[in-house]
């Protein structure tokens, strides 16, 4: 939310007075996130960055091709590697990202992956 430009987060049960005050503070450019929320956001972002950076350049290439809908055979052909090597890359990608399928890997890449998919 912070990266997207949100000024803060309010619980849906916040009272009218606090809501109005928060709108005014946000309109004046003040951040409504408390230090704990900012700390959690930084930790989350660092975890995502660590996972993305754990991928080798070849694994990132494989992930990009997955996002384009390439089959293992297509990936092997485009990267001039064997099908067995593609399988090994996929295993490592799944392990490093903490996912268990092609669809989850692609979704993770699209949601979190820096310059992904292109």
Protein backbone atom coordinates (compact mmCIF):
# COMPACT_ATOMS: atom_id res chain seq x y z
CA UNK A 1 0.00 0.00 0.00
CA UNK A 2 2.82 2.37 0.83
CA UNK A 3 4.52 1.77 -2.52
CA UNK A 4 1.21 2.36 -4.29
CA UNK A 5 0.93 5.79 -2.65
CA UNK A 6 -1.57 5.13 0.14
CA UNK A 7 -1.41 7.64 2.96
CA UNK A 8 -2.42 5.12 5.58
CA UNK A 9 -4.73 2.38 6.70
CA UNK A 10 -7.83 2.74 8.82
CA UNK A 11 -9.91 -0.03 10.29
CA UNK A 12 -13.48 -0.07 9.00
CA UNK A 13 -14.73 0.44 12.56
CA UNK A 14 -12.92 3.76 13.03
CA UNK A 15 -15.09 6.49 14.50
CA UNK A 16 -16.32 9.47 12.49
CA UNK A 17 -14.10 11.96 14.33
CA UNK A 18 -10.94 9.92 13.72
CA UNK A 19 -11.97 9.37 10.10
CA UNK A 20 -12.37 13.11 9.45
CA UNK A 21 -9.09 13.86 11.25
CA UNK A 22 -7.30 11.19 9.23
CA UNK A 23 -8.66 12.54 5.94
CA UNK A 24 -7.42 16.00 6.85
CA UNK A 25 -3.99 14.71 7.83
CA UNK A 26 -3.71 12.66 4.63
CA UNK A 27 -4.81 15.63 2.52
CA UNK A 28 -1.99 17.69 4.05
CA UNK A 29 0.52 15.04 3.00
CA UNK A 30 1.00 13.38 6.36
CA UNK A 31 1.56 9.61 6.51
CA UNK A 32 -1.00 7.79 8.62
CA UNK A 33 1.08 4.62 8.89
CA UNK A 34 2.54 4.06 12.33
CA UNK A 35 6.12 2.89 12.84
CA UNK A 36 5.08 -0.74 13.39
CA UNK A 37 3.18 -0.79 10.09
CA UNK A 38 6.15 0.78 8.28
CA UNK A 39 8.51 -1.76 9.84
CA UNK A 40 6.31 -4.70 8.76
CA UNK A 41 6.10 -3.26 5.24
CA UNK A 42 9.91 -2.93 5.04
CA UNK A 43 10.38 -6.50 6.29
CA UNK A 44 7.84 -7.82 3.77
CA UNK A 45 9.50 -5.92 0.93
CA UNK A 46 12.96 -7.14 1.97
CA UNK A 47 11.70 -10.74 2.02
CA UNK A 48 10.27 -10.38 -1.48
CA UNK A 49 13.48 -8.77 -2.74
CA UNK A 50 15.56 -11.53 -1.16
CA UNK A 51 13.51 -14.22 -2.93
CA UNK A 52 13.67 -12.41 -6.29
CA UNK A 53 17.43 -11.89 -5.97
CA UNK A 54 17.93 -15.54 -5.01
CA UNK A 55 16.93 -16.52 -8.54
CA UNK A 56 19.74 -16.90 -11.03
CA UNK A 57 19.51 -15.02 -14.31
CA UNK A 58 18.65 -18.30 -16.05
CA UNK A 59 15.88 -19.01 -13.55
CA UNK A 60 14.48 -15.53 -14.18
CA UNK A 61 14.55 -16.26 -17.93
CA UNK A 62 12.65 -19.50 -17.33
CA UNK A 63 10.11 -17.69 -15.16
CA UNK A 64 9.61 -15.01 -17.81
CA UNK A 65 9.01 -17.67 -20.46
CA UNK A 66 6.53 -19.40 -18.14
CA UNK A 67 4.66 -16.10 -17.88
CA UNK A 68 4.49 -15.98 -21.66
CA UNK A 69 2.81 -19.40 -21.61
CA UNK A 70 5.77 -21.38 -22.89
CA UNK A 71 5.78 -25.13 -22.37
CA UNK A 72 8.84 -26.91 -20.99
CA UNK A 73 9.67 -27.98 -24.53
CA UNK A 74 9.39 -24.37 -25.76
CA UNK A 75 11.60 -23.16 -22.91
CA UNK A 76 14.21 -25.81 -23.65
CA UNK A 77 14.22 -24.85 -27.32
CA UNK A 78 14.39 -21.10 -26.75
CA UNK A 79 17.15 -21.34 -24.15
CA UNK A 80 18.94 -24.22 -25.94
CA UNK A 81 18.91 -26.44 -22.87
CA UNK A 82 17.56 -29.93 -22.22
CA UNK A 83 14.09 -30.69 -20.86
CA UNK A 84 15.77 -32.16 -17.78
CA UNK A 85 17.55 -28.85 -17.21
CA UNK A 86 14.23 -26.99 -17.53
CA UNK A 87 12.75 -29.32 -14.91
CA UNK A 88 15.69 -28.63 -12.58
CA UNK A 89 15.29 -24.88 -13.04
CA UNK A 90 11.58 -25.16 -12.27
CA UNK A 91 12.30 -27.16 -9.11
CA UNK A 92 14.73 -24.51 -7.92
CA UNK A 93 12.33 -21.68 -8.78
CA UNK A 94 9.50 -23.34 -6.85
CA UNK A 95 11.78 -23.95 -3.88
CA UNK A 96 13.22 -20.44 -3.80
CA UNK A 97 9.84 -18.72 -4.18
CA UNK A 98 8.01 -21.07 -1.82
CA UNK A 99 5.46 -22.15 -4.43
CA UNK A 100 4.39 -25.54 -5.74
CA UNK A 101 3.18 -25.01 -9.31
CA UNK A 102 3.80 -23.15 -12.56
CA UNK A 103 0.73 -21.00 -12.01
CA UNK A 104 1.84 -20.02 -8.51
CA UNK A 105 5.36 -19.20 -9.75
CA UNK A 106 3.99 -16.98 -12.52
CA UNK A 107 1.55 -15.29 -10.14
CA UNK A 108 4.36 -14.67 -7.66
CA UNK A 109 6.56 -13.22 -10.39
CA UNK A 110 3.85 -10.90 -11.65
CA UNK A 111 2.94 -9.74 -8.17
CA UNK A 112 6.41 -9.39 -6.69
CA UNK A 113 9.15 -9.75 -9.22
CA UNK A 114 10.82 -6.43 -9.78
CA UNK A 115 11.23 -6.05 -13.54
CA UNK A 116 9.10 -9.13 -14.17
CA UNK A 117 7.97 -10.26 -16.64
CA UNK A 118 9.89 -8.13 -19.15
